[in-house]
Structure formats: C-alpha cells, structure tokens
Protein backbone atom coordinates (compact mmCIF):
# COMPACT_ATOMS: atom_id res chain seq x y z
CA MET A 1 0.00 0.00 0.00
CA ARG A 2 1.41 3.35 -0.99
CA HIS A 3 0.88 5.04 2.40
CA GLU A 4 3.82 7.34 1.63
CA GLN A 5 1.65 9.17 -0.90
CA LEU A 6 -0.64 10.39 1.87
CA VAL A 7 0.06 13.56 3.84
CA PRO A 8 1.25 12.55 7.35
CA TRP A 9 -1.10 13.48 10.16
CA ASN A 10 0.33 16.20 12.38
CA PRO A 11 -1.87 17.63 15.17
CA ASP A 12 0.04 20.92 14.83
CA ASP A 13 -1.44 21.26 11.35
CA ALA A 14 -4.99 21.27 12.70
CA LYS A 15 -5.26 25.06 12.93
CA LEU A 16 -8.91 25.38 12.05
CA SER A 17 -9.89 28.30 9.84
CA ARG A 18 -12.28 30.77 11.42
CA ARG A 19 -13.35 32.22 8.11
CA GLY A 20 -17.10 32.02 7.72
CA GLY A 21 -17.57 31.57 11.48
CA GLY A 22 -15.75 28.22 11.62
CA SER A 23 -14.46 27.00 14.97
CA THR A 24 -12.81 23.90 16.37
CA ALA A 25 -15.92 22.91 18.29
CA LEU A 26 -18.19 23.47 15.30
CA ILE A 27 -16.11 21.47 12.85
CA LEU A 28 -15.61 18.63 15.31
CA ALA A 29 -19.35 18.53 15.83
CA LEU A 30 -19.99 18.53 12.09
CA LEU A 31 -17.54 15.70 11.55
CA GLY A 32 -19.10 13.71 14.36
CA ALA A 33 -15.70 12.72 15.78
CA GLY A 34 -12.91 14.19 17.88
CA LEU A 35 -9.16 14.22 17.55
CA ALA A 36 -8.32 12.78 20.93
CA GLY A 37 -9.09 9.28 22.13
CA VAL A 38 -11.09 8.81 25.30
CA ALA A 39 -9.19 7.22 28.15
CA ARG A 40 -10.64 4.02 29.55
CA GLY A 41 -9.54 0.82 31.23
CA GLN A 42 -8.23 -2.21 29.40
CA VAL A 43 -10.99 -4.76 28.74
CA ILE A 44 -10.38 -8.19 27.19
CA THR A 45 -13.12 -9.84 25.14
CA GLU A 46 -12.75 -13.32 23.64
CA PHE A 47 -14.50 -14.78 20.60
CA PRO A 48 -14.62 -18.59 20.23
CA ILE A 49 -13.59 -19.98 16.83
CA PRO A 50 -16.29 -22.26 15.37
CA THR A 51 -13.89 -25.08 14.43
CA ALA A 52 -12.57 -26.95 17.47
CA GLY A 53 -8.81 -27.42 17.74
CA SER A 54 -8.01 -24.83 15.09
CA THR A 55 -4.96 -23.58 17.05
CA PRO A 56 -4.96 -19.97 15.80
CA LEU A 57 -1.47 -18.55 15.46
CA GLY A 58 -0.85 -15.58 13.16
CA ILE A 59 -3.14 -12.56 12.93
CA THR A 60 -3.11 -9.32 10.94
CA ALA A 61 -5.36 -6.41 10.02
CA GLY A 62 -6.78 -6.72 6.51
CA PRO A 63 -7.44 -3.99 3.95
CA ASP A 64 -11.19 -4.66 4.31
CA GLY A 65 -11.44 -3.45 7.91
CA ASN A 66 -11.45 -6.99 9.34
CA LEU A 67 -8.86 -9.10 11.11
CA TRP A 68 -7.44 -12.22 9.41
CA PHE A 69 -5.82 -15.16 11.16
CA THR A 70 -4.32 -18.58 10.49
CA GLU A 71 -5.71 -21.87 11.78
CA PRO A 72 -2.95 -24.46 11.40
CA GLY A 73 -4.89 -27.07 13.35
CA ALA A 74 -7.89 -26.81 11.00
CA ASN A 75 -6.04 -26.04 7.74
CA GLN A 76 -8.03 -22.81 7.38
CA ILE A 77 -7.72 -19.05 7.18
CA GLY A 78 -10.12 -17.16 9.42
CA ARG A 79 -11.66 -13.71 9.23
CA ILE A 80 -13.19 -11.84 12.14
CA THR A 81 -15.05 -8.54 12.00
CA THR A 82 -14.51 -5.92 14.68
CA ALA A 83 -17.95 -6.97 15.97
CA GLY A 84 -16.62 -10.51 16.51
CA VAL A 85 -18.27 -12.35 13.60
CA ILE A 86 -15.99 -15.15 12.39
CA THR A 87 -15.88 -16.74 8.93
CA GLU A 88 -13.49 -19.58 8.04
CA PHE A 89 -12.05 -20.52 4.67
CA ALA A 90 -10.62 -23.98 3.98
CA LEU A 91 -7.32 -24.22 2.13
CA PRO A 92 -7.33 -26.30 -1.07
CA ILE A 93 -4.26 -28.39 -0.16
CA ALA A 94 -4.57 -30.77 2.78
CA ASP A 95 -2.19 -30.31 5.71
CA SER A 96 -0.98 -26.91 4.52
CA PHE A 97 -0.56 -25.84 8.16
CA PRO A 98 -0.76 -22.04 7.69
CA LEU A 99 1.33 -20.09 10.17
CA ALA A 100 2.02 -16.38 9.64
CA ILE A 101 -0.20 -13.94 7.74
CA ALA A 102 0.15 -10.35 6.50
CA ALA A 103 -1.73 -7.87 4.35
CA GLY A 104 -0.09 -7.42 0.97
CA PRO A 105 0.29 -4.30 -1.17
CA ASP A 106 -2.11 -5.82 -3.70
CA GLY A 107 -5.17 -5.81 -1.42
CA ASN A 108 -4.88 -9.54 -0.65
CA LEU A 109 -3.74 -11.47 2.41
CA TRP A 110 -0.54 -13.52 2.16
CA PHE A 111 0.36 -16.41 4.45
CA THR A 112 3.10 -18.95 5.01
CA GLU A 113 2.47 -22.70 4.89
CA ASN A 114 4.47 -25.54 6.38
CA ALA A 115 3.63 -27.28 3.12
CA LEU A 116 6.58 -25.28 1.72
CA LYS A 117 4.41 -22.68 0.05
CA ILE A 118 3.39 -19.05 0.31
CA GLY A 119 -0.37 -18.62 -0.06
CA ARG A 120 -2.54 -15.74 -1.24
CA ILE A 121 -6.20 -15.22 -0.34
CA THR A 122 -8.56 -12.43 -1.36
CA THR A 123 -10.75 -10.54 1.11
CA ALA A 124 -13.65 -12.57 -0.31
CA GLY A 125 -11.93 -15.72 0.98
CA VAL A 126 -10.78 -17.09 -2.39
CA VAL A 127 -7.32 -18.68 -2.43
CA THR A 128 -5.82 -17.46 -5.69
CA GLY A 129 -2.33 -18.87 -5.40
CA GLU A 130 0.00 -21.17 -3.48
CA PHE A 131 3.60 -20.65 -4.53
CA PRO A 132 6.27 -23.31 -3.81
CA ILE A 133 9.36 -22.21 -1.87
CA PRO A 134 12.54 -23.38 -3.64
CA THR A 135 14.45 -24.48 -0.52
CA PRO A 136 13.05 -27.41 1.50
CA GLY A 137 12.76 -26.85 5.20
CA GLU A 138 10.23 -25.54 7.65
CA PRO A 139 8.70 -23.76 9.50
CA PHE A 140 7.99 -20.34 7.97
CA PHE A 141 6.91 -18.26 10.93
CA GLY A 142 7.16 -14.69 9.68
CA ILE A 143 5.83 -12.69 6.75
CA THR A 144 5.39 -8.96 6.20
CA ALA A 145 4.84 -6.44 3.44
CA GLY A 146 8.04 -4.68 2.44
CA PRO A 147 8.59 -1.08 1.34
CA ASP A 148 9.42 -2.35 -2.16
CA GLY A 149 5.93 -3.66 -2.95
CA ASN A 150 6.89 -7.29 -2.23
CA LEU A 151 6.28 -9.67 0.66
CA TRP A 152 9.21 -10.84 2.79
CA PHE A 153 9.27 -14.02 4.90
CA THR A 154 11.55 -16.07 7.14
CA GLU A 155 12.75 -19.61 6.48
CA ALA A 156 13.70 -20.99 9.90
CA GLU A 157 15.35 -24.30 8.97
CA GLY A 158 16.43 -23.08 5.56
CA ILE A 159 18.25 -20.24 7.40
CA LYS A 160 17.18 -17.76 4.75
CA ILE A 161 15.05 -14.69 4.23
CA GLY A 162 12.67 -14.97 1.31
CA ARG A 163 11.08 -12.36 -0.93
CA ILE A 164 7.99 -12.97 -3.04
CA THR A 165 6.51 -10.58 -5.58
CA THR A 166 2.74 -10.22 -5.85
CA ALA A 167 3.06 -12.29 -9.05
CA GLY A 168 4.52 -15.16 -7.02
CA VAL A 169 8.21 -14.94 -7.97
CA ILE A 170 10.40 -16.01 -5.04
CA THR A 171 14.02 -15.01 -4.29
CA GLU A 172 15.96 -16.31 -1.29
CA PHE A 173 18.87 -14.79 0.66
CA LEU A 174 21.11 -17.03 2.78
CA LEU A 175 21.92 -15.65 6.23
CA PRO A 176 25.64 -15.28 7.10
CA THR A 177 25.52 -16.38 10.76
CA SER A 178 21.91 -15.98 11.93
CA ASP A 179 20.14 -19.21 12.77
CA TYR A 180 16.41 -19.99 12.82
CA PRO A 181 14.92 -16.63 11.76
CA TRP A 182 11.40 -16.18 13.09
CA GLY A 183 9.57 -12.84 13.12
CA ILE A 184 10.10 -10.20 10.44
CA ALA A 185 8.93 -6.60 10.10
CA ALA A 186 9.41 -3.60 7.85
CA GLY A 187 11.50 -0.93 9.55
CA PRO A 188 11.21 2.86 9.38
CA ASP A 189 14.55 2.94 7.53
CA GLY A 190 13.27 1.17 4.42
CA ASN A 191 14.81 -2.17 5.39
CA LEU A 192 13.41 -5.44 6.76
CA TRP A 193 14.31 -6.54 10.28
CA PHE A 194 14.09 -10.08 11.66
CA ALA A 195 14.60 -12.01 14.90
CA ALA A 196 16.93 -15.05 14.82
CA ARG A 197 16.05 -17.38 17.69
CA ASN A 198 18.91 -19.86 17.84
CA SER A 199 21.73 -17.39 17.21
CA ASN A 200 20.34 -14.76 19.60
CA GLN A 201 20.49 -12.00 17.01
CA ILE A 202 18.45 -9.30 15.35
CA GLY A 203 19.09 -9.03 11.64
CA ARG A 204 18.57 -6.36 9.02
CA ILE A 205 18.20 -6.99 5.30
CA THR A 206 17.94 -4.33 2.63
CA THR A 207 15.50 -4.74 -0.24
CA ALA A 208 18.56 -5.56 -2.36
CA GLY A 209 19.39 -8.48 -0.05
CA VAL A 210 22.33 -7.04 1.92
CA ILE A 211 22.30 -8.52 5.44
CA THR A 212 23.68 -7.12 8.71
CA GLU A 213 23.41 -8.96 12.03
CA PHE A 214 23.42 -7.61 15.60
CA SER A 215 24.02 -9.78 18.68
CA ILE A 216 21.69 -9.39 21.66
CA PRO A 217 23.57 -8.67 24.94
CA SER A 218 21.63 -11.23 27.03
CA VAL A 219 22.66 -14.77 26.11
CA ASN A 220 20.04 -17.26 24.91
CA SER A 221 17.25 -14.68 25.05
CA ASN A 222 15.36 -16.48 22.26
CA PRO A 223 14.03 -13.51 20.22
CA ILE A 224 10.79 -14.28 18.38
CA GLY A 225 8.47 -11.42 17.44
CA ILE A 226 9.54 -8.06 16.05
CA THR A 227 7.73 -4.89 15.00
CA ALA A 228 8.38 -1.26 14.15
CA GLY A 229 7.63 1.05 17.06
CA PRO A 230 6.17 4.56 17.12
CA ASP A 231 9.56 5.93 18.22
CA GLY A 232 11.46 5.04 15.05
CA ASN A 233 13.01 1.90 16.57
CA LEU A 234 12.33 -1.83 16.27
CA TRP A 235 10.96 -3.73 19.25
CA PHE A 236 11.23 -7.48 19.81
CA THR A 237 10.19 -10.18 22.26
CA GLN A 238 12.55 -12.43 24.20
CA ALA A 239 10.85 -15.74 24.93
CA ASN A 240 13.44 -17.49 27.07
CA ILE A 241 12.17 -17.00 30.59
CA SER A 242 15.55 -18.01 32.05
CA GLY A 243 17.53 -15.84 29.63
CA GLY A 244 16.65 -12.39 28.31
CA ASN A 245 13.24 -12.47 29.99
CA GLY A 246 11.93 -9.26 28.55
CA ILE A 247 11.36 -6.94 25.61
CA GLY A 248 14.17 -5.59 23.48
CA ARG A 249 14.56 -2.39 21.50
CA ILE A 250 17.00 -1.89 18.65
CA THR A 251 17.70 1.37 16.87
CA THR A 252 18.12 1.39 13.11
CA ALA A 253 21.85 1.83 13.82
CA GLY A 254 21.85 -1.47 15.71
CA VAL A 255 22.02 -0.29 19.35
CA ILE A 256 20.10 -2.71 21.59
CA THR A 257 18.42 -1.98 24.93
CA GLU A 258 16.62 -4.65 26.98
CA PHE A 259 13.75 -4.24 29.45
CA ALA A 260 13.12 -6.93 32.06
CA PHE A 261 9.68 -8.09 33.15
CA PRO A 262 8.50 -7.12 36.65
CA ALA A 263 9.04 -10.73 37.79
CA PRO A 264 10.59 -13.85 36.23
CA CYS A 265 8.12 -15.20 33.68
CA CYS A 266 6.69 -14.89 30.74
CA GLY A 267 7.46 -16.43 27.35
CA ALA A 268 6.99 -13.20 25.38
CA PHE A 269 5.94 -14.12 21.84
CA GLY A 270 4.13 -11.75 19.45
CA ILE A 271 4.46 -7.96 19.50
CA ALA A 272 2.68 -5.09 17.74
CA ALA A 273 2.58 -1.30 17.90
CA GLY A 274 -0.68 0.04 19.32
CA PRO A 275 -2.59 3.19 18.36
CA ASP A 276 -1.90 4.52 21.87
CA GLY A 277 1.82 4.95 21.19
CA ASN A 278 2.82 1.83 23.15
CA LEU A 279 3.94 -1.67 22.18
CA TRP A 280 1.68 -4.63 23.01
CA PHE A 281 2.81 -8.22 23.31
CA THR A 282 1.60 -11.72 24.15
CA GLU A 283 2.94 -13.91 26.96
CA GLU A 284 2.48 -17.49 25.80
CA ASP A 285 3.74 -19.14 28.98
CA PRO A 286 0.59 -21.01 30.16
CA PHE A 287 1.44 -20.19 33.76
CA ASN A 288 1.48 -16.48 32.98
CA ASN A 289 -1.22 -16.14 30.30
CA LYS A 290 -1.27 -12.37 29.88
CA ILE A 291 -1.21 -9.54 27.37
CA GLY A 292 1.57 -7.08 28.07
CA ARG A 293 2.06 -3.41 27.27
CA ILE A 294 5.36 -1.57 27.24
CA THR A 295 5.82 2.15 26.80
CA THR A 296 8.66 3.48 24.65
CA ALA A 297 10.35 4.37 27.95
CA GLY A 298 10.29 0.69 28.94
CA VAL A 299 7.50 0.63 31.54
CA ILE A 300 5.68 -2.73 31.45
CA THR A 301 2.06 -3.42 32.47
CA GLU A 302 0.36 -6.82 32.20
CA PHE A 303 -3.30 -7.83 31.79
CA PRO A 304 -4.55 -11.37 32.61
CA ILE A 305 -6.54 -13.22 29.93
CA PRO A 306 -9.88 -14.59 31.21
CA THR A 307 -9.44 -18.08 29.67
CA ALA A 308 -6.83 -20.07 31.58
CA ASP A 309 -3.89 -21.56 29.65
CA SER A 310 -5.02 -19.81 26.49
CA ILE A 311 -1.44 -19.47 25.11
CA PRO A 312 -1.73 -16.14 23.27
CA LEU A 313 0.50 -16.03 20.20
CA GLY A 314 0.12 -13.54 17.33
CA ILE A 315 -1.06 -9.99 18.01
CA THR A 316 -1.91 -7.02 15.78
CA ALA A 317 -3.49 -3.59 15.92
CA GLY A 318 -7.04 -3.50 14.58
CA PRO A 319 -8.85 -0.76 12.66
CA ASP A 320 -11.04 -0.14 15.71
CA GLY A 321 -8.28 1.18 17.97
CA ASN A 322 -7.91 -2.13 19.83
CA LEU A 323 -5.34 -4.93 19.82
CA TRP A 324 -6.40 -8.37 18.58
CA PHE A 325 -4.62 -11.61 19.41
CA ALA A 326 -4.81 -15.34 18.68
CA GLU A 327 -5.23 -17.80 21.55
CA GLY A 328 -3.57 -21.00 20.35
CA ASN A 329 -4.75 -23.24 23.15
CA GLY A 330 -7.91 -21.34 24.02
CA ASN A 331 -9.10 -21.63 20.39
CA LYS A 332 -10.31 -18.05 20.49
CA ILE A 333 -9.55 -14.64 19.07
CA GLY A 334 -9.08 -12.05 21.77
CA ARG A 335 -9.50 -8.30 21.78
CA ILE A 336 -8.04 -5.88 24.32
CA THR A 337 -8.97 -2.22 24.44
CA THR A 338 -6.11 0.27 24.45
CA GLY A 339 -7.77 3.35 25.86
CA VAL A 340 -8.08 4.83 22.36
CA VAL A 341 -11.63 5.12 21.05
CA THR A 342 -12.26 5.61 17.35
CA PRO A 343 -15.65 6.07 15.69
CA SER A 344 -17.00 2.88 14.16
CA THR A 345 -17.85 4.63 10.90
CA LEU A 346 -16.94 7.94 9.32
CA VAL A 347 -19.65 10.58 9.85
CA ILE A 348 -19.57 14.02 8.16
CA ASP A 349 -22.15 16.60 9.23
CA GLY A 350 -24.64 13.91 10.26
CA CYS A 351 -24.10 11.90 7.07
CA ASP A 352 -22.94 8.38 7.98
CA SER A 353 -20.81 7.17 5.08
CA GLY A 354 -20.88 3.60 6.39
CA VAL A 355 -17.11 3.48 5.83
CA PRO A 356 -15.01 2.21 8.78
CA ASP A 357 -12.94 5.06 10.20
CA LEU A 358 -9.74 3.10 9.73
CA LEU A 359 -6.47 3.77 11.51
CA LEU A 360 -3.79 4.70 8.99
CA GLN A 361 -0.10 3.86 9.09
CA ASP A 362 0.84 7.05 10.95
CA GLY A 363 -1.66 6.34 13.77
CA GLY A 364 -4.26 8.87 12.59
CA THR A 365 -7.71 8.01 11.24
CA ILE A 366 -9.53 8.98 8.05
CA THR A 367 -11.52 11.44 10.17
CA ASP A 368 -8.23 13.08 11.15
CA ARG A 369 -7.41 13.60 7.48
CA ILE A 370 -10.85 15.05 6.73
CA LEU A 371 -10.44 17.37 9.71
CA GLN A 372 -7.27 18.65 8.05
CA CYS A 373 -9.30 19.35 4.90
CA ALA A 374 -11.86 21.27 6.94
CA ALA A 375 -9.11 23.23 8.69
CA GLY A 376 -7.49 24.44 5.49
CA ALA A 377 -10.54 25.04 3.31
CA GLY A 378 -11.68 28.62 2.73
CA ASN A 379 -14.99 27.54 1.25
CA HIS A 380 -17.16 24.49 0.70
CA GLY A 381 -15.76 23.82 -2.76
CA ALA A 382 -12.21 23.73 -1.44
CA PHE A 383 -13.28 21.30 1.31
CA VAL A 384 -14.95 18.96 -1.19
CA SER A 385 -11.91 19.13 -3.47
CA CYS A 386 -9.57 18.25 -0.60
CA VAL A 387 -11.72 15.29 0.47
CA SER A 388 -11.89 14.14 -3.14
CA GLN A 389 -8.10 14.13 -3.44
CA LEU A 390 -7.75 12.38 -0.08
CA THR A 391 -10.18 9.61 -0.95
CA ASN A 392 -8.63 9.14 -4.38
CA ASP A 393 -5.26 8.60 -2.68
CA LEU A 394 -6.78 6.19 -0.15
CA LYS A 395 -8.46 4.24 -2.93
CA ASP A 396 -5.26 4.12 -5.02
CA ALA A 397 -3.38 2.87 -1.95
CA GLY A 398 -5.87 0.01 -1.52
CA ILE A 399 -7.11 1.28 1.85
CA ILE A 400 -10.71 1.90 0.73
CA THR A 401 -12.76 0.64 -2.18
CA ASP A 402 -14.18 2.70 -5.03
CA ALA A 403 -17.65 2.40 -3.50
CA GLN A 404 -16.35 3.63 -0.13
CA LYS A 405 -14.63 6.54 -1.86
CA GLY A 406 -17.96 7.53 -3.44
CA ALA A 407 -19.76 7.29 -0.11
CA ILE A 408 -17.27 9.61 1.62
CA GLN A 409 -17.30 12.10 -1.23
CA GLY A 410 -21.11 12.07 -1.24
CA CYS A 411 -21.22 12.97 2.46
CA ALA A 412 -18.61 15.69 1.95
CA GLY A 413 -20.69 17.19 -0.82
CA GLN A 414 -23.76 17.42 1.43
CA ALA A 415 -21.87 18.84 4.43
CA GLN A 416 -22.11 22.46 5.51
CA ILE A 417 -18.32 22.71 5.95
CA PRO A 418 -16.60 25.03 6.41
C-alpha cells in the first residue's frame, strides 16, 4: 500500500480556519468525531472460533477493515469482523498448516504454509495462489509487506530470508551467521528486520538483499516477534524465561536496549505497535497467560486473559483502535482495548458514510485527514476538493474501495463545511 503518498497526520497542522464563522468545536461537531481518544480501562473480550482445535497462530489487520488469522490445526484461514463475527475458509491443499499472515500491497492477504508454500487469499476468501518455496525446510513463521511492494518471509530451517513478488516470484537470501529466523517486520529505515532465535540475534536486510546482524547482549534470550515502534526503533520479544526475559529495542543503527519483566516469567511471543503509542505483546507461557504493554520508555504493564492456559500467540493492531490476538490453546480470538476510542464509521455533518474510520499507518484516522481538509478550506468547494483528493489517494493505496470513496465524497458534498 502506498501510504507514503498520503500527507502525514500532524496535530500541529490542525489550525482550524475561522473564516465564515468556523471553529474547532463546530467542525468537530460537524464531523461527528474528535481528535483525541477517550481514556478508559483495558478490557479483554474473547470470541470462540467455530472449528474446534483450530490452534490460531498468526493474525493481521486486513485492507477490508477486518482481522485475518491462520488456523494451522484446522487447515483454514479465518476472518473476524470488529464486531466478533468469524468466517473460516478452507485451504485447497490438505495439511498446509498455515502459520504467519500479513496484508499485501495488492489488497490480498498472504500467508506462510508448512507445506513449503506461500499462499494468497482475497478478502472474499478465495485462495488465488500457493507458490512453492525453492528451498526445502520448515517452518515459515514470519511474513510482512516490504517497502518495495513485495512480501518478505523467514525460512527458519532453511536459514534464509525470502522475498515474493505479488506475481509469485520467489528469491531467497542465505543468512551469514543468523540461525532460525522467526519474526520479520518492515522498519522505518526502508529495510526489513528479523529475529533469529537460535543465534540470539536481530538481523537487518535491505530490499537488495544485503544482510547485517546484531548480537543481543543477554545470552540465549530467544528472540521471536519483532515490530516497528512509534519511536522510530524496532521492538522485539525475548521468549526465554531463564535468559533475556523481557522486551528488546533496537535502533536502526543497531544499538540494543533490553527491558526486564517485573518478575521472572513470561514467554513473550508476538508484538505489535498500538494506536496509543505503546507496544503490546503476548505472553504465551501457560502459567502467565497475559497480554503485556510496554511504553517506549520501557514501563511494562500486564493484563490477565480470562481463559486459563489460552497461550496467546500472534497480536496485531485492529482498525477499531484495539489490539487483537490469537489464543492457540484457548481456540479463540481475543481483543483488548487500548484506551483509544475511534468512531466505528466515518460521519460528516450527520451523514454516515458507512465506511469504517480506519487507523492509517501514521496512527491517525480517516476522520483526522478530513479534519485537516476542513481546517485548510476557505470555502465548501475547497473542502470537497480536498476530500476528493484524499479519498482518491486512499483508494489508489488500496485502503478503501471505489464504493467507499464515493460514499465519503457524497457525504462531503452534502456537508455544511466550512
């Protein structure tokens, strides 16, 4: 998705024009949404998966406003709406054992299979491709969209990083010393970053395939998950409860800092950046069974999961301002509130477009962008023109559909803004 084409959200830019009697309060009221989230406590809700023993593992936010997850135990890909409605899609090849999943730049979902393939599924649930990986070996635990318009994945036993184009062409890059690469994420520096479990390293690979490796100070810390943080760094989990026992942070220059848990525990596994400016992670140790939150200053807070021994694994930020996670043993998808509230749909001057007010890559929502249009427009025509350009960019980036673009533009045309 070409998020870089969109104007970054900056609250300092929201200097609302007072021409024509406009005011902050008035325009916020007309939009039907505010800039700031409403603080609230963290609440965990769990949604049972219809198929027993599905063992959900990977989870990601899809371009359709839903969450998508893998079910290796049931050989299925699952979809869950932000209201908790689950639909499951069977994979055509038996025993595919899907593991990781990520949204691709082509509007589809891409997933890894232990059947030595990379799969592609549309938001309608149609599997449109399963592409064989050249090098034998499994598992393939990580996959992410890269800044180059391709998907990048880890090959744990093959000791390689793979790249696949949206046409299904695969290239592999052998790691110099890293062993058993697991999680992978796109970094803010235009590179891909990965966690190597057995060699206790964090690696960086350019889109041209140049690899650099950084050793973690704590021995045998067992790094697994990795994600880009809101502070311009990469954050990773350390699963070895007798080793690193915490969360790590690495700058794009390779400087590593580690943060210990409040008490010995926890089997940290998946990690994701939240819309609240913090990092959220899963603790898959069945004796701990919590969702954790760490600030960019390293302060850790933990929240118990209602279902005992649920073994939370993958975690991702949803379009609703919450974090969503897969409970491998609990056979559920969980949701934890972050304290950030976003409108369920985009409303302009009382006109409900029916379009989810999605969180964008920079942490702002579509409403935030429309508020910018309202702030800078000297008249109604300028406001409509700005919204038109915004929605065209969102549509071109694959964030909204053509129908959703029309709905937003229709509401903007009816609005009495500014």
